[in-house]
C-alpha atoms as a PDB file:
ATOM      1  CA  MET A   1     -26.051 -16.623  -6.036  1.00  0.00           C
ATOM      2  CA  GLY A   2     -26.383 -20.338  -7.092  1.00  0.00           C
ATOM      3  CA  ILE A   3     -22.842 -20.517  -7.420  1.00  0.00           C
ATOM      4  CA  LEU A   4     -21.919 -18.497  -4.296  1.00  0.00           C
ATOM      5  CA  SER A   5     -24.188 -20.781  -2.030  1.00  0.00           C
ATOM      6  CA  LYS A   6     -22.710 -24.291  -3.565  1.00  0.00           C
ATOM      7  CA  LEU A   7     -19.582 -22.665  -3.128  1.00  0.00           C
ATOM      8  CA  PHE A   8     -20.279 -21.869   0.815  1.00  0.00           C
ATOM      9  CA  LYS A   9     -22.553 -25.205   1.613  1.00  0.00           C
ATOM     10  CA  LYS A  10     -20.152 -26.939   3.541  1.00  0.00           C
ATOM     11  CA  PHE A  11     -19.706 -24.691   6.510  1.00  0.00           C
ATOM     12  CA  ASP A  12     -21.854 -23.323   9.237  1.00  0.00           C
ATOM     13  CA  LYS A  13     -20.124 -20.353  10.609  1.00  0.00           C
ATOM     14  CA  ARG A  14     -20.669 -16.879  11.278  1.00  0.00           C
ATOM     15  CA  VAL A  15     -18.152 -14.564   9.641  1.00  0.00           C
ATOM     16  CA  ASN A  16     -17.757 -11.054  10.376  1.00  0.00           C
ATOM     17  CA  ILE A  17     -16.707  -8.928   7.527  1.00  0.00           C
ATOM     18  CA  ALA A  18     -15.411  -5.284   7.862  1.00  0.00           C
ATOM     19  CA  MET A  19     -15.513  -3.390   4.423  1.00  0.00           C
ATOM     20  CA  CYS A  20     -13.817  -0.331   4.263  1.00  0.00           C
ATOM     21  CA  GLY A  21     -12.065   2.468   1.977  1.00  0.00           C
ATOM     22  CA  LEU A  22     -12.585   5.860   0.906  1.00  0.00           C
ATOM     23  CA  ASP A  23     -16.086   7.630  -0.104  1.00  0.00           C
ATOM     24  CA  ASN A  24     -17.258   6.541  -3.426  1.00  0.00           C
ATOM     25  CA  ALA A  25     -14.704   3.728  -3.531  1.00  0.00           C
ATOM     26  CA  GLY A  26     -17.507   1.413  -4.866  1.00  0.00           C
ATOM     27  CA  LYS A  27     -18.174  -0.569  -1.448  1.00  0.00           C
ATOM     28  CA  THR A  28     -21.997  -0.690  -1.454  1.00  0.00           C
ATOM     29  CA  SER A  29     -21.964  -1.161  -5.124  1.00  0.00           C
ATOM     30  CA  ILE A  30     -19.811  -4.123  -4.576  1.00  0.00           C
ATOM     31  CA  LEU A  31     -22.563  -5.314  -2.005  1.00  0.00           C
ATOM     32  CA  ASN A  32     -25.432  -4.505  -4.008  1.00  0.00           C
ATOM     33  CA  TYR A  33     -23.942  -6.864  -6.955  1.00  0.00           C
ATOM     34  CA  LEU A  34     -23.375  -9.582  -4.279  1.00  0.00           C
ATOM     35  CA  LYS A  35     -26.805  -9.370  -3.047  1.00  0.00           C
ATOM     36  CA  ASN A  36     -28.819  -8.973  -6.078  1.00  0.00           C
ATOM     37  CA  GLY A  37     -26.505 -10.384  -9.210  1.00  0.00           C
ATOM     38  CA  GLU A  38     -26.460  -7.451 -11.224  1.00  0.00           C
ATOM     39  CA  PRO A  39     -25.640  -3.831 -10.824  1.00  0.00           C
ATOM     40  CA  SER A  40     -27.797  -1.396  -9.073  1.00  0.00           C
ATOM     41  CA  GLU A  41     -27.963   2.360  -7.926  1.00  0.00           C
ATOM     42  CA  SER A  42     -26.385   2.673  -4.488  1.00  0.00           C
ATOM     43  CA  ILE A  43     -26.332   6.292  -2.477  1.00  0.00           C
ATOM     44  CA  ALA A  44     -23.102   6.661   0.185  1.00  0.00           C
ATOM     45  CA  THR A  45     -23.116   4.849   3.189  1.00  0.00           C
ATOM     46  CA  MET A  46     -23.672   7.671   6.301  1.00  0.00           C
ATOM     47  CA  GLY A  47     -21.998   5.933   9.237  1.00  0.00           C
ATOM     48  CA  VAL A  48     -22.273   2.005   8.718  1.00  0.00           C
ATOM     49  CA  ASN A  49     -24.453  -0.223   6.543  1.00  0.00           C
ATOM     50  CA  PHE A  50     -25.064  -3.574   8.100  1.00  0.00           C
ATOM     51  CA  GLU A  51     -25.831  -6.905   5.731  1.00  0.00           C
ATOM     52  CA  ARG A  52     -26.468 -10.400   6.490  1.00  0.00           C
ATOM     53  CA  LEU A  53     -25.905 -12.652   3.789  1.00  0.00           C
ATOM     54  CA  LYS A  54     -26.608 -16.353   3.932  1.00  0.00           C
ATOM     55  CA  LEU A  55     -24.581 -18.442   1.408  1.00  0.00           C
ATOM     56  CA  GLY A  56     -25.310 -21.934   1.854  1.00  0.00           C
ATOM     57  CA  LYS A  57     -24.500 -22.738   5.555  1.00  0.00           C
ATOM     58  CA  LEU A  58     -22.333 -19.597   5.650  1.00  0.00           C
ATOM     59  CA  ASP A  59     -23.700 -16.452   7.479  1.00  0.00           C
ATOM     60  CA  LEU A  60     -21.883 -13.388   6.378  1.00  0.00           C
ATOM     61  CA  SER A  61     -22.124 -10.518   8.338  1.00  0.00           C
ATOM     62  CA  ILE A  62     -20.892  -7.455   6.424  1.00  0.00           C
ATOM     63  CA  MET A  63     -20.274  -3.965   7.831  1.00  0.00           C
ATOM     64  CA  ASP A  64     -19.929  -1.479   4.964  1.00  0.00           C
ATOM     65  CA  LEU A  65     -18.245   1.577   6.908  1.00  0.00           C
ATOM     66  CA  GLY A  66     -18.813   5.040   5.265  1.00  0.00           C
ATOM     67  CA  GLY A  67     -15.597   6.356   3.858  1.00  0.00           C
ATOM     68  CA  GLN A  68     -15.970  10.222   4.577  1.00  0.00           C
ATOM     69  CA  GLN A  69     -13.474  11.600   7.002  1.00  0.00           C
ATOM     70  CA  VAL A  70     -16.125  12.015   9.587  1.00  0.00           C
ATOM     71  CA  PHE A  71     -17.152   8.039   9.985  1.00  0.00           C
ATOM     72  CA  ARG A  72     -13.582   6.727   9.906  1.00  0.00           C
ATOM     73  CA  GLN A  73     -13.290   7.673  13.498  1.00  0.00           C
ATOM     74  CA  PHE A  74     -15.929   4.715  14.120  1.00  0.00           C
ATOM     75  CA  TRP A  75     -14.101   2.419  11.939  1.00  0.00           C
ATOM     76  CA  PRO A  76     -11.547   0.834  14.751  1.00  0.00           C
ATOM     77  CA  GLY A  77     -14.572  -0.869  17.024  1.00  0.00           C
ATOM     78  CA  TYR A  78     -15.934  -2.528  13.886  1.00  0.00           C
ATOM     79  CA  ILE A  79     -12.428  -3.303  12.226  1.00  0.00           C
ATOM     80  CA  GLU A  80     -11.393  -5.091  15.521  1.00  0.00           C
ATOM     81  CA  ARG A  81     -14.412  -7.307  15.821  1.00  0.00           C
ATOM     82  CA  ALA A  82     -13.934  -8.316  12.078  1.00  0.00           C
ATOM     83  CA  ASP A  83     -12.620 -12.165  10.827  1.00  0.00           C
ATOM     84  CA  ILE A  84     -11.691 -10.857   7.440  1.00  0.00           C
ATOM     85  CA  LEU A  85     -11.067  -6.988   6.330  1.00  0.00           C
ATOM     86  CA  ILE A  86     -11.968  -5.938   2.505  1.00  0.00           C
ATOM     87  CA  PHE A  87     -10.608  -2.387   1.719  1.00  0.00           C
ATOM     88  CA  VAL A  88     -12.005  -0.978  -1.500  1.00  0.00           C
ATOM     89  CA  ILE A  89      -9.789   1.070  -3.811  1.00  0.00           C
ATOM     90  CA  ASP A  90     -11.368   3.163  -6.319  1.00  0.00           C
ATOM     91  CA  SER A  91      -8.921   2.379  -9.308  1.00  0.00           C
ATOM     92  CA  SER A  92      -9.879   5.235 -11.671  1.00  0.00           C
ATOM     93  CA  ASP A  93      -9.639   7.713  -8.318  1.00  0.00           C
ATOM     94  CA  ILE A  94      -5.893   8.361  -8.878  1.00  0.00           C
ATOM     95  CA  GLN A  95      -5.418  11.625  -7.352  1.00  0.00           C
ATOM     96  CA  ARG A  96      -6.650   9.964  -3.965  1.00  0.00           C
ATOM     97  CA  LEU A  97      -4.588   6.888  -4.249  1.00  0.00           C
ATOM     98  CA  VAL A  98      -1.875   8.098  -2.028  1.00  0.00           C
ATOM     99  CA  LEU A  99      -4.768   9.197   0.845  1.00  0.00           C
ATOM    100  CA  ALA A 100      -6.257   5.415   0.285  1.00  0.00           C
ATOM    101  CA  LYS A 101      -2.805   4.155   1.085  1.00  0.00           C
ATOM    102  CA  GLU A 102      -2.497   6.048   4.240  1.00  0.00           C
ATOM    103  CA  ILE A 103      -6.149   5.036   5.353  1.00  0.00           C
ATOM    104  CA  PHE A 104      -5.327   1.903   4.398  1.00  0.00           C
ATOM    105  CA  HIS A 105      -1.726   1.281   6.387  1.00  0.00           C
ATOM    106  CA  GLU A 106      -3.398   3.191   9.515  1.00  0.00           C
ATOM    107  CA  ALA A 107      -6.466   0.718   9.468  1.00  0.00           C
ATOM    108  CA  VAL A 108      -3.829  -2.360   9.091  1.00  0.00           C
ATOM    109  CA  LYS A 109      -1.373  -1.193  11.995  1.00  0.00           C
ATOM    110  CA  ASN A 110      -3.306  -0.021  14.470  1.00  0.00           C
ATOM    111  CA  TYR A 111      -7.057  -2.170  14.246  1.00  0.00           C
ATOM    112  CA  CYS A 112      -6.364  -5.409  12.539  1.00  0.00           C
ATOM    113  CA  THR A 113      -4.703  -8.436  14.329  1.00  0.00           C
ATOM    114  CA  PRO A 114      -1.802 -10.329  12.854  1.00  0.00           C
ATOM    115  CA  ASN A 115      -3.973 -13.122  11.689  1.00  0.00           C
ATOM    116  CA  ILE A 116      -6.968 -11.416   9.934  1.00  0.00           C
ATOM    117  CA  PRO A 117      -6.905 -11.973   6.331  1.00  0.00           C
ATOM    118  CA  ILE A 118      -7.058  -8.758   4.014  1.00  0.00           C
ATOM    119  CA  LEU A 119      -8.566  -8.510   0.498  1.00  0.00           C
ATOM    120  CA  ILE A 120      -8.228  -5.405  -1.366  1.00  0.00           C
ATOM    121  CA  LEU A 121     -10.774  -4.937  -3.997  1.00  0.00           C
ATOM    122  CA  ALA A 122      -9.505  -2.581  -7.145  1.00  0.00           C
ATOM    123  CA  THR A 123     -12.792  -1.546  -8.064  1.00  0.00           C
ATOM    124  CA  LYS A 124     -14.338   0.158 -11.149  1.00  0.00           C
ATOM    125  CA  GLN A 125     -12.115  -2.065 -13.646  1.00  0.00           C
ATOM    126  CA  ASP A 126     -14.898  -1.017 -16.220  1.00  0.00           C
ATOM    127  CA  MET A 127     -13.704   2.203 -16.595  1.00  0.00           C
ATOM    128  CA  ASN A 128     -11.223   3.890 -18.535  1.00  0.00           C
ATOM    129  CA  ASN A 129      -7.975   5.486 -17.350  1.00  0.00           C
ATOM    130  CA  ILE A 130      -7.453   2.964 -14.735  1.00  0.00           C
ATOM    131  CA  CYS A 131      -4.507   2.312 -12.519  1.00  0.00           C
ATOM    132  CA  SER A 132      -2.787  -1.360 -13.115  1.00  0.00           C
ATOM    133  CA  LEU A 133      -2.968  -3.946 -10.206  1.00  0.00           C
ATOM    134  CA  ALA A 134       1.016  -3.453 -10.300  1.00  0.00           C
ATOM    135  CA  TYR A 135       0.712   0.336  -9.908  1.00  0.00           C
ATOM    136  CA  ILE A 136      -1.470  -0.492  -6.648  1.00  0.00           C
ATOM    137  CA  ILE A 137       0.494  -2.799  -4.946  1.00  0.00           C
ATOM    138  CA  GLN A 138       3.915  -0.770  -5.516  1.00  0.00           C
ATOM    139  CA  ASN A 139       2.188   2.379  -4.212  1.00  0.00           C
ATOM    140  CA  PHE A 140       0.721   0.492  -1.250  1.00  0.00           C
ATOM    141  CA  HIS A 141       3.767  -1.217  -0.573  1.00  0.00           C
ATOM    142  CA  LEU A 142       1.945  -4.568  -0.546  1.00  0.00           C
ATOM    143  CA  THR A 143       5.343  -6.520  -0.950  1.00  0.00           C
ATOM    144  CA  THR A 144       6.494  -5.446   2.085  1.00  0.00           C
ATOM    145  CA  MET A 145       3.332  -6.942   4.017  1.00  0.00           C
ATOM    146  CA  PHE A 146       4.876 -10.534   4.065  1.00  0.00           C
ATOM    147  CA  GLU A 147       3.871 -11.314   7.591  1.00  0.00           C
ATOM    148  CA  ARG A 148       0.118 -10.442   6.329  1.00  0.00           C
ATOM    149  CA  THR A 149      -2.111 -12.965   4.449  1.00  0.00           C
ATOM    150  CA  ILE A 150      -3.505 -10.044   1.424  1.00  0.00           C
ATOM    151  CA  HIS A 151      -5.036 -10.638  -1.624  1.00  0.00           C
ATOM    152  CA  ILE A 152      -5.736  -7.945  -4.349  1.00  0.00           C
ATOM    153  CA  GLN A 153      -8.672  -8.433  -7.109  1.00  0.00           C
ATOM    154  CA  LYS A 154      -9.512  -6.808  -9.661  1.00  0.00           C
ATOM    155  CA  THR A 155     -13.501  -5.839  -9.414  1.00  0.00           C
ATOM    156  CA  SER A 156     -16.346  -4.003 -11.333  1.00  0.00           C
ATOM    157  CA  ALA A 157     -20.005  -3.733  -9.612  1.00  0.00           C
ATOM    158  CA  GLN A 158     -21.233  -2.978 -13.131  1.00  0.00           C
ATOM    159  CA  THR A 159     -20.081  -6.431 -14.951  1.00  0.00           C
ATOM    160  CA  GLY A 160     -19.773  -8.806 -11.869  1.00  0.00           C
ATOM    161  CA  LEU A 161     -16.094  -9.029 -12.925  1.00  0.00           C
ATOM    162  CA  GLY A 162     -13.692 -10.529  -9.786  1.00  0.00           C
ATOM    163  CA  ILE A 163     -16.781 -10.392  -7.122  1.00  0.00           C
ATOM    164  CA  TYR A 164     -17.004 -14.289  -7.106  1.00  0.00           C
ATOM    165  CA  GLU A 165     -13.427 -14.711  -7.187  1.00  0.00           C
ATOM    166  CA  ALA A 166     -13.085 -12.141  -4.207  1.00  0.00           C
ATOM    167  CA  PHE A 167     -15.597 -14.056  -2.390  1.00  0.00           C
ATOM    168  CA  GLN A 168     -13.896 -17.389  -3.239  1.00  0.00           C
ATOM    169  CA  TRP A 169     -10.686 -16.407  -1.563  1.00  0.00           C
ATOM    170  CA  ILE A 170     -12.672 -15.607   1.382  1.00  0.00           C
ATOM    171  CA  HIS A 171     -13.936 -18.934   1.371  1.00  0.00           C
ATOM    172  CA  ASP A 172     -10.348 -20.392   0.950  1.00  0.00           C
ATOM    173  CA  GLN A 173      -9.468 -18.216   3.800  1.00  0.00           C
ATOM    174  CA  ILE A 174     -12.224 -19.227   6.269  1.00  0.00           C
ATOM    175  CA  LEU A 175     -11.360 -23.230   5.273  1.00  0.00           C
ATOM    176  CA  THR A 176      -7.680 -22.649   5.842  1.00  0.00           C
ATOM    177  CA  THR A 177      -8.328 -20.945   9.478  1.00  0.00           C
ATOM    178  CA  LYS A 178     -10.720 -23.708  10.263  1.00  0.00           C
ATOM    179  CA  THR A 179      -8.706 -26.674   9.188  1.00  0.00           C
ATOM    180  CA  ARG A 180      -5.874 -24.998  11.227  1.00  0.00           C
ATOM    181  CA  ARG A 181      -7.968 -24.881  14.263  1.00  0.00           C
ATOM    182  CA  ALA A 182      -9.257 -28.705  13.882  1.00  0.00           C
ATOM    183  CA  ILE A 183      -5.657 -29.608  13.855  1.00  0.00           C
ATOM    184  CA  ARG A 184      -4.301 -28.154  16.509  1.00  0.00           C
ATOM    185  CA  ASN A 185      -7.373 -29.223  18.764  1.00  0.00           C
ATOM    186  CA  ILE A 186      -6.846 -32.909  17.370  1.00  0.00           C
ATOM    187  CA  SER A 187      -3.001 -32.391  18.236  1.00  0.00           C
ATOM    188  CA  ARG A 188      -4.349 -31.228  21.852  1.00  0.00           C
ATOM    189  CA  THR A 189      -6.497 -34.192  22.258  1.00  0.00           C
ATOM    190  CA  VAL A 190      -4.052 -36.696  20.885  1.00  0.00           C
ATOM    191  CA  THR A 191      -0.743 -35.629  22.720  1.00  0.00           C
ATOM    192  CA  PRO A 192      -0.648 -37.509  25.901  1.00  0.00           C
ATOM    193  CA  LYS A 193      -0.011 -35.220  29.052  1.00  0.00           C
ATOM    194  CA  PRO A 194       3.099 -35.395  31.313  1.00  0.00           C
ATOM    195  CA  THR A 195       2.731 -38.049  34.001  1.00  0.00           C
END
């Protein structure tokens, strides 16, 4: 956690993150690795699991949304409040990839505002017989979503692969958004009002 704390130390900002995906995709395992810095046992999320992580001056409020069908009806209220959407895909569950794609596009189309950055975590990269990032990108039609800010990252909650890089990307998105807002505020202040 020391590296992440250094990464986020410059900011004093509350960030709401909605983390969703199909059941057994690895959402809670990724979150547990982020909290503990090592793999740990996790059980399926029933409903919503709220986690608050303090990383330097950045306060992350992570809503880990249960992926079972019965819980997906509650996603909209959480995703609509989020600053960042994390969608988790089980890279080893190729049979349910089509369903994951449908759920992903429904969430993005119906619940996300156009300016919300989207992070896709392709989990379980430590396992055999997984689909490639190129396969996910093609099947999820990510190249057609050019109007959105999207990043896809290989991850593993067993080895820690890609978890730091994923949150580095979130950090960069927060920085970019904060810089844009500051520039807009400065330009409003500096631009003289018409007389």
